[in-house]
Amino acid sequence: MKKPIAVGIIGFGRSGCSIHANAYLQMQDRFRVAAIYDPLLERRIHPDWPEAKACATSEELLGLEDVEMVVVASPNKFHARQTLAALEAGKHVLCEKPFGYTTADVDAMRTAAEQRGLVLQPFQQRRYEPDFLKVKELIGSGLLGRITFINISWAGFSRRWDWQTSRQFGGGQLYNNGPHPLDHALELFGDTEPEVWCDLRRSLASGDAEDEVQILLRAKDAPVIQINLLATAAYPLDRWYVCGTAGGLRGNAGRLEWKWVDWSEMPERSLDTNPTTGRTYNQEKLPWREGFWDAESAADSGAGAAPGDQPTLDSYADLWSIIREAAPQKITPQSVRRRVAILQQCYKLAGRSFPEGTRHD
């Protein structure tokens, strides 16, 4: 059995501790926490990992020979620079979202990894979520016909007042939660480059960063996709709402339902410009067929909530195979670069400035 990957975690807050270190507890045959750096002294020591070295700086962590891979789970604005520093120190890196603020950030990280033969892994674990995979399967099957419109909604009603509401730290919903639904959207959109419309607003957050995001993607021969991240949704919409020429789908992480019509069983309907009988509208009885899907394991509880464990465990199982067995990456830096390009475009459309230290095209 190959030895576990020794991991150093930069940033031991909600993500570094609750998502990443928690996953390693369930995969101790493949990963172990070897070192922790967090600006808060009390966070550098954790009872689950008593042998992990408590580091006073990120530089100290990167200098440890025992550390083979680094997880960058610090505030958003530090991701690119700390990822670059880790790569330059000869470490594989898993970088939390956002995977840089601009395509220039991404390109610099990719170049550094390629020059040193290191693994650079974006953390887009929600691409492993069962509800997304089921939606993708159904759309790809053609059962719903040609897809014309998709609405992806991450909405709730809440106030936040932490660092993620402050632009000083690179906070805001666009780069905080936005990378996940945008990643899903582009997987369903296709390879065509979309026209992008974006609106960013601060409604309830205490900081100066946006807590409401709306993105619209469109292109010829592609579905129109709308993404909503809303802090003022007292009555949240379904996460998934899909329209197609043969049917549609709706639902959330725990349950999906869809219905469709088999047009081959229906008569042809040629244009008839004559007045209708009895001044009625055209009407026909549709023989709907229905399908349902329920998640087998616990799903996340909604907008902005921590994801279920399984997608994270699945993504880490793949990462172990990439590092230990030279397996190909399923989620590549190049694929996530396309997402970052759209996030970057949204910032520019909204007239927002990028965090200090961000590389620009």
Protein backbone atom coordinates (compact mmCIF):
# COMPACT_ATOMS: atom_id res chain seq x y z
CA MET A 1 0.00 0.00 0.00
CA LYS A 2 1.36 3.41 -0.97
CA LYS A 3 2.01 5.80 1.89
CA PRO A 4 -0.53 8.53 2.72
CA ILE A 5 0.01 11.99 1.24
CA ALA A 6 1.31 14.39 3.89
CA VAL A 7 -0.75 17.59 3.65
CA GLY A 8 -0.08 21.10 4.88
CA ILE A 9 -3.19 23.26 5.23
CA ILE A 10 -2.98 27.04 4.87
CA GLY A 11 -6.08 28.48 6.53
CA PHE A 12 -7.79 26.30 9.12
CA GLY A 13 -11.24 27.88 9.20
CA ARG A 14 -14.57 26.64 7.84
CA SER A 15 -13.08 25.16 4.70
CA GLY A 16 -9.62 24.09 5.82
CA CYS A 17 -10.88 22.38 8.96
CA SER A 18 -14.53 21.48 8.37
CA ILE A 19 -14.22 20.33 4.75
CA HIS A 20 -10.63 19.30 4.04
CA ALA A 21 -9.31 18.04 7.38
CA ASN A 22 -12.66 16.36 8.02
CA ALA A 23 -12.33 14.49 4.72
CA TYR A 24 -8.86 13.26 5.70
CA LEU A 25 -10.29 11.75 8.90
CA GLN A 26 -12.33 9.46 6.66
CA MET A 27 -9.36 8.72 4.35
CA GLN A 28 -6.42 8.26 6.73
CA ASP A 29 -5.02 5.47 4.58
CA ARG A 30 -4.46 8.06 1.83
CA PHE A 31 -4.06 11.47 3.50
CA ARG A 32 -2.76 12.86 6.77
CA VAL A 33 -2.49 16.41 8.08
CA ALA A 34 1.21 17.05 8.60
CA ALA A 35 1.15 20.80 9.22
CA ILE A 36 -1.31 23.64 9.84
CA TYR A 37 -0.94 27.37 9.40
CA ASP A 38 -3.63 29.84 10.43
CA PRO A 39 -3.25 33.46 11.55
CA LEU A 40 -5.11 32.55 14.76
CA LEU A 41 -2.81 30.74 17.18
CA GLU A 42 -5.63 28.66 18.67
CA ARG A 43 -6.51 27.24 15.26
CA ARG A 44 -3.05 25.80 14.59
CA ILE A 45 -3.58 22.87 16.94
CA HIS A 46 -6.47 20.44 16.54
CA PRO A 47 -7.26 17.35 18.63
CA ASP A 48 -8.00 15.26 15.54
CA TRP A 49 -4.45 15.80 14.28
CA PRO A 50 -2.21 16.03 17.38
CA GLU A 51 0.97 15.27 15.43
CA ALA A 52 0.45 18.07 12.87
CA LYS A 53 3.08 20.79 13.17
CA ALA A 54 1.64 24.16 14.19
CA CYS A 55 3.26 26.74 11.91
CA ALA A 56 3.61 30.42 12.75
CA THR A 57 3.70 31.47 9.07
CA SER A 58 2.77 30.02 5.71
CA GLU A 59 6.46 30.25 4.78
CA GLU A 60 7.33 27.95 7.68
CA LEU A 61 4.79 25.41 6.45
CA LEU A 62 6.12 25.56 2.87
CA GLY A 63 9.64 24.94 4.14
CA LEU A 64 8.77 21.59 5.72
CA GLU A 65 10.27 18.70 3.76
CA ASP A 66 7.62 16.33 5.09
CA VAL A 67 4.79 18.27 3.44
CA GLU A 68 4.07 16.85 0.00
CA MET A 69 0.84 18.67 -0.84
CA VAL A 70 -0.59 22.02 0.25
CA VAL A 71 -4.25 22.94 0.56
CA VAL A 72 -4.79 26.68 0.09
CA ALA A 73 -7.93 27.46 2.09
CA SER A 74 -7.18 31.04 3.11
CA PRO A 75 -9.31 34.14 2.35
CA ASN A 76 -9.98 34.54 -1.36
CA LYS A 77 -7.48 37.26 -2.20
CA PHE A 78 -4.53 35.13 -1.04
CA HIS A 79 -5.30 32.05 -3.14
CA ALA A 80 -3.21 32.77 -6.23
CA ARG A 81 -0.13 34.12 -4.45
CA GLN A 82 -0.06 31.32 -1.85
CA THR A 83 -0.62 28.69 -4.54
CA LEU A 84 2.32 30.09 -6.51
CA ALA A 85 4.52 30.11 -3.39
CA ALA A 86 3.62 26.48 -2.66
CA LEU A 87 4.38 25.39 -6.23
CA GLU A 88 7.68 27.25 -6.15
CA ALA A 89 8.47 25.37 -2.94
CA GLY A 90 7.97 22.09 -4.83
CA LYS A 91 4.59 21.11 -3.39
CA HIS A 92 1.52 19.75 -5.13
CA VAL A 93 -1.39 22.14 -4.54
CA LEU A 94 -5.12 21.91 -4.13
CA CYS A 95 -6.51 25.45 -4.36
CA GLU A 96 -9.92 26.32 -2.95
CA LYS A 97 -12.28 28.40 -5.04
CA PRO A 98 -11.87 30.98 -6.34
CA PHE A 99 -9.06 29.50 -8.41
CA GLY A 100 -7.52 32.95 -8.85
CA TYR A 101 -9.32 36.17 -9.74
CA THR A 102 -8.19 36.51 -13.34
CA THR A 103 -7.02 34.28 -16.17
CA ALA A 104 -3.55 35.76 -15.65
CA ASP A 105 -3.63 34.38 -12.09
CA VAL A 106 -4.57 30.96 -13.46
CA ASP A 107 -1.95 31.06 -16.20
CA ALA A 108 0.80 31.92 -13.72
CA MET A 109 -0.19 29.00 -11.48
CA ARG A 110 -0.45 26.58 -14.42
CA THR A 111 2.96 27.58 -15.74
CA ALA A 112 4.57 27.15 -12.33
CA ALA A 113 3.04 23.67 -11.94
CA GLU A 114 3.95 22.52 -15.45
CA GLN A 115 7.55 23.73 -15.16
CA ARG A 116 8.03 21.70 -11.97
CA GLY A 117 5.95 18.65 -12.92
CA LEU A 118 3.57 19.21 -10.00
CA VAL A 119 -0.16 18.59 -9.62
CA LEU A 120 -2.27 21.75 -9.48
CA GLN A 121 -5.85 20.81 -8.56
CA PRO A 122 -8.78 23.26 -8.48
CA PHE A 123 -11.24 22.38 -5.72
CA GLN A 124 -14.50 22.15 -7.67
CA GLN A 125 -15.86 19.22 -5.69
CA ARG A 126 -19.48 20.10 -6.47
CA ARG A 127 -18.94 18.75 -9.97
CA TYR A 128 -19.21 15.36 -8.22
CA GLU A 129 -22.61 16.15 -6.66
CA PRO A 130 -25.21 13.48 -7.48
CA ASP A 131 -27.99 15.95 -8.38
CA PHE A 132 -25.74 17.74 -10.88
CA LEU A 133 -24.59 14.45 -12.38
CA LYS A 134 -28.21 13.33 -12.75
CA VAL A 135 -29.21 16.61 -14.41
CA LYS A 136 -26.25 16.33 -16.77
CA GLU A 137 -27.17 12.72 -17.59
CA LEU A 138 -30.80 13.57 -18.38
CA ILE A 139 -29.90 16.55 -20.54
CA GLY A 140 -27.29 14.51 -22.40
CA SER A 141 -29.75 11.69 -23.02
CA GLY A 142 -31.93 13.91 -25.21
CA LEU A 143 -35.04 12.82 -23.29
CA LEU A 144 -36.06 16.46 -22.71
CA GLY A 145 -35.34 17.43 -26.31
CA ARG A 146 -33.23 20.45 -27.20
CA ILE A 147 -32.59 22.41 -24.02
CA THR A 148 -33.69 26.02 -24.36
CA PHE A 149 -33.39 27.47 -20.83
CA ILE A 150 -31.79 26.52 -17.51
CA ASN A 151 -32.17 28.40 -14.24
CA ILE A 152 -29.72 27.54 -11.45
CA SER A 153 -30.74 29.15 -8.18
CA TRP A 154 -28.73 29.35 -4.97
CA ALA A 155 -31.03 31.48 -2.87
CA GLY A 156 -32.03 32.09 0.72
CA PHE A 157 -32.76 34.88 3.15
CA SER A 158 -29.91 35.76 5.47
CA ARG A 159 -27.48 38.42 6.64
CA ARG A 160 -23.72 37.89 6.88
CA TRP A 161 -21.10 40.10 8.52
CA ASP A 162 -17.86 38.08 8.26
CA TRP A 163 -14.76 38.64 6.10
CA GLN A 164 -16.50 37.10 3.10
CA THR A 165 -18.68 40.21 2.89
CA SER A 166 -15.65 42.51 2.60
CA ARG A 167 -13.96 43.41 -0.68
CA GLN A 168 -10.77 44.05 1.31
CA PHE A 169 -10.40 40.26 1.61
CA GLY A 170 -11.71 39.48 -1.86
CA GLY A 171 -15.14 38.59 -0.46
CA GLY A 172 -18.50 38.69 -2.18
CA GLN A 173 -20.84 36.07 -3.56
CA LEU A 174 -19.49 36.19 -7.12
CA TYR A 175 -16.10 34.70 -6.24
CA ASN A 176 -17.22 32.99 -3.03
CA ASN A 177 -20.13 30.73 -4.01
CA GLY A 178 -20.38 31.79 -7.65
CA PRO A 179 -17.68 29.39 -8.95
CA HIS A 180 -19.86 26.38 -8.11
CA PRO A 181 -23.10 27.13 -10.01
CA LEU A 182 -21.05 28.70 -12.80
CA ASP A 183 -19.03 25.49 -13.07
CA HIS A 184 -22.26 23.52 -13.37
CA ALA A 185 -23.66 25.99 -15.89
CA LEU A 186 -20.68 25.80 -18.23
CA GLU A 187 -20.66 21.99 -18.10
CA LEU A 188 -24.26 22.15 -19.40
CA PHE A 189 -23.75 25.09 -21.76
CA GLY A 190 -21.30 23.42 -24.10
CA ASP A 191 -18.03 24.52 -25.67
CA THR A 192 -19.33 27.72 -27.29
CA GLU A 193 -18.08 30.90 -25.62
CA PRO A 194 -21.10 32.67 -24.14
CA GLU A 195 -22.20 36.26 -24.19
CA VAL A 196 -22.28 37.34 -20.54
CA TRP A 197 -24.56 39.68 -18.62
CA CYS A 198 -24.06 40.18 -14.89
CA ASP A 199 -25.56 42.22 -12.07
CA LEU A 200 -23.95 42.51 -8.61
CA ARG A 201 -25.70 44.06 -5.62
CA ARG A 202 -25.20 44.39 -1.86
CA SER A 203 -28.54 43.98 -0.10
CA LEU A 204 -28.21 42.58 3.44
CA ALA A 205 -24.51 41.96 4.03
CA SER A 206 -22.69 44.17 6.52
CA GLY A 207 -19.60 44.47 4.34
CA ASP A 208 -19.20 46.30 1.03
CA ALA A 209 -19.14 43.19 -1.21
CA GLU A 210 -22.09 41.87 -3.18
CA ASP A 211 -24.42 39.32 -1.62
CA GLU A 212 -26.69 39.07 -4.66
CA VAL A 213 -25.49 37.91 -8.08
CA GLN A 214 -27.32 37.30 -11.32
CA ILE A 215 -25.50 35.99 -14.39
CA LEU A 216 -26.98 35.33 -17.82
CA LEU A 217 -25.15 33.21 -20.40
CA ARG A 218 -26.29 32.93 -24.00
CA ALA A 219 -24.99 31.96 -27.44
CA LYS A 220 -26.33 30.72 -30.74
CA ASP A 221 -27.34 27.04 -30.60
CA ALA A 222 -26.89 26.92 -26.82
CA PRO A 223 -29.40 27.14 -23.99
CA VAL A 224 -29.90 30.42 -22.17
CA ILE A 225 -28.63 29.83 -18.64
CA GLN A 226 -29.47 32.08 -15.72
CA ILE A 227 -27.62 31.84 -12.40
CA ASN A 228 -29.09 33.43 -9.28
CA LEU A 229 -27.33 33.81 -5.94
CA LEU A 230 -29.72 35.77 -3.74
CA ALA A 231 -29.68 36.80 -0.07
CA THR A 232 -33.27 38.14 -0.12
CA ALA A 233 -35.20 35.03 -1.21
CA ALA A 234 -37.73 34.41 1.55
CA TYR A 235 -39.30 31.84 -0.79
CA PRO A 236 -36.33 30.19 -2.54
CA LEU A 237 -36.81 28.74 -6.00
CA ASP A 238 -35.75 25.20 -6.86
CA ARG A 239 -32.03 24.87 -7.46
CA TRP A 240 -32.71 23.32 -10.87
CA TYR A 241 -35.25 24.43 -13.47
CA VAL A 242 -34.71 23.10 -16.99
CA CYS A 243 -36.83 23.71 -20.10
CA GLY A 244 -36.56 21.63 -23.27
CA THR A 245 -38.50 21.07 -26.47
CA ALA A 246 -39.76 17.70 -25.23
CA GLY A 247 -40.16 18.38 -21.52
CA GLY A 248 -38.58 19.83 -18.40
CA LEU A 249 -37.00 19.21 -15.02
CA ARG A 250 -37.08 20.80 -11.60
CA GLY A 251 -35.76 20.03 -8.15
CA ASN A 252 -33.02 20.32 -5.57
CA ALA A 253 -30.03 18.42 -4.26
CA GLY A 254 -32.20 15.83 -2.55
CA ARG A 255 -34.89 15.26 -5.19
CA LEU A 256 -35.41 15.85 -8.90
CA GLU A 257 -38.48 15.33 -11.04
CA TRP A 258 -38.97 15.56 -14.77
CA LYS A 259 -41.62 14.96 -17.39
CA TRP A 260 -41.49 14.63 -21.13
CA VAL A 261 -43.56 14.01 -24.26
CA ASP A 262 -42.65 11.55 -27.00
CA TRP A 263 -43.48 13.67 -30.05
CA SER A 264 -43.21 10.62 -32.32
CA GLU A 265 -46.50 9.44 -30.85
CA MET A 266 -48.22 12.75 -31.61
CA PRO A 267 -49.68 13.98 -34.91
CA GLU A 268 -47.86 16.52 -37.07
CA ARG A 269 -49.00 20.10 -36.53
CA SER A 270 -48.56 22.13 -39.72
CA LEU A 271 -49.23 25.87 -39.68
CA ASP A 272 -52.94 26.63 -40.18
CA THR A 273 -53.81 30.30 -40.46
CA ASN A 274 -57.57 29.75 -40.72
CA PRO A 275 -59.79 30.92 -37.83
CA THR A 276 -60.10 28.28 -35.10
CA THR A 277 -63.41 26.61 -34.45
CA GLY A 278 -65.36 28.43 -31.78
CA ARG A 279 -62.65 31.11 -31.49
CA THR A 280 -60.57 28.78 -29.28
CA TYR A 281 -56.84 28.51 -28.85
CA ASN A 282 -54.98 25.53 -30.26
CA GLN A 283 -55.17 22.79 -27.65
CA GLU A 284 -54.09 19.18 -27.49
CA LYS A 285 -53.87 16.62 -24.72
CA LEU A 286 -50.24 15.82 -23.98
CA PRO A 287 -49.40 12.23 -22.90
CA TRP A 288 -46.86 13.22 -20.24
CA ARG A 289 -44.42 10.66 -18.91
CA GLU A 290 -42.71 11.29 -15.59
CA GLY A 291 -39.50 10.40 -13.81
CA PHE A 292 -38.14 10.96 -10.30
CA TRP A 293 -34.75 10.78 -8.58
CA ASP A 294 -33.94 10.87 -4.86
CA ALA A 295 -30.46 11.28 -3.43
CA GLU A 296 -29.09 8.13 -1.79
CA SER A 297 -27.05 10.08 0.78
CA ALA A 298 -27.45 13.36 2.65
CA ALA A 299 -27.47 16.38 0.35
CA ASP A 300 -26.43 19.90 1.28
CA SER A 301 -29.11 22.03 2.91
CA GLY A 302 -29.23 24.88 0.41
CA ALA A 303 -27.63 28.06 -0.82
CA GLY A 304 -24.18 28.66 0.59
CA ALA A 305 -24.37 25.66 2.92
CA ALA A 306 -21.43 23.32 3.31
CA PRO A 307 -21.65 20.54 0.72
CA GLY A 308 -22.36 16.94 1.58
CA ASP A 309 -19.32 14.81 2.44
CA GLN A 310 -19.46 12.41 -0.50
CA PRO A 311 -18.56 14.81 -3.34
CA THR A 312 -15.50 15.92 -1.35
CA LEU A 313 -14.47 12.32 -0.67
CA ASP A 314 -14.93 11.43 -4.34
CA SER A 315 -12.80 14.38 -5.44
CA TYR A 316 -10.06 13.42 -2.97
CA ALA A 317 -10.11 9.81 -4.11
CA ASP A 318 -9.38 11.07 -7.61
CA LEU A 319 -6.67 13.43 -6.34
CA TRP A 320 -4.89 10.59 -4.55
CA SER A 321 -4.91 8.60 -7.81
CA ILE A 322 -3.55 11.61 -9.72
CA ILE A 323 -0.63 12.07 -7.33
CA ARG A 324 0.15 8.44 -6.43
CA GLU A 325 -0.81 6.65 -9.66
CA ALA A 326 -0.40 9.36 -12.34
CA ALA A 327 -4.11 9.15 -13.23
CA PRO A 328 -5.41 11.95 -15.49
CA GLN A 329 -7.16 14.91 -13.91
CA LYS A 330 -10.92 14.96 -14.32
CA ILE A 331 -11.16 18.63 -13.36
CA THR A 332 -8.25 20.43 -14.99
CA PRO A 333 -6.88 23.93 -14.38
CA GLN A 334 -7.61 24.69 -18.04
CA SER A 335 -11.31 23.86 -17.64
CA VAL A 336 -11.57 26.07 -14.56
CA ARG A 337 -9.71 28.87 -16.37
CA ARG A 338 -12.82 29.26 -18.54
CA ARG A 339 -14.89 29.79 -15.39
CA VAL A 340 -12.44 32.35 -14.07
CA ALA A 341 -12.59 34.23 -17.39
CA ILE A 342 -16.34 34.69 -16.95
CA LEU A 343 -16.01 35.72 -13.29
CA GLN A 344 -13.39 38.23 -14.40
CA GLN A 345 -15.71 39.52 -17.11
CA CYS A 346 -18.52 39.93 -14.57
CA TYR A 347 -16.27 42.06 -12.35
CA LYS A 348 -15.36 44.23 -15.32
CA LEU A 349 -19.01 44.60 -16.38
CA ALA A 350 -19.86 45.71 -12.84
CA GLY A 351 -16.94 48.14 -12.71
CA ARG A 352 -15.37 46.39 -9.71
CA SER A 353 -11.68 46.55 -8.90
CA PHE A 354 -9.73 43.34 -8.33
CA PRO A 355 -8.03 42.59 -4.98
CA GLU A 356 -4.51 43.86 -4.43
CA GLY A 357 -1.90 41.48 -5.79
CA THR A 358 -4.14 40.09 -8.55
CA ARG A 359 -2.47 39.57 -11.91
CA HIS A 360 -4.24 41.22 -14.83
CA ASP A 361 -4.39 40.30 -18.54
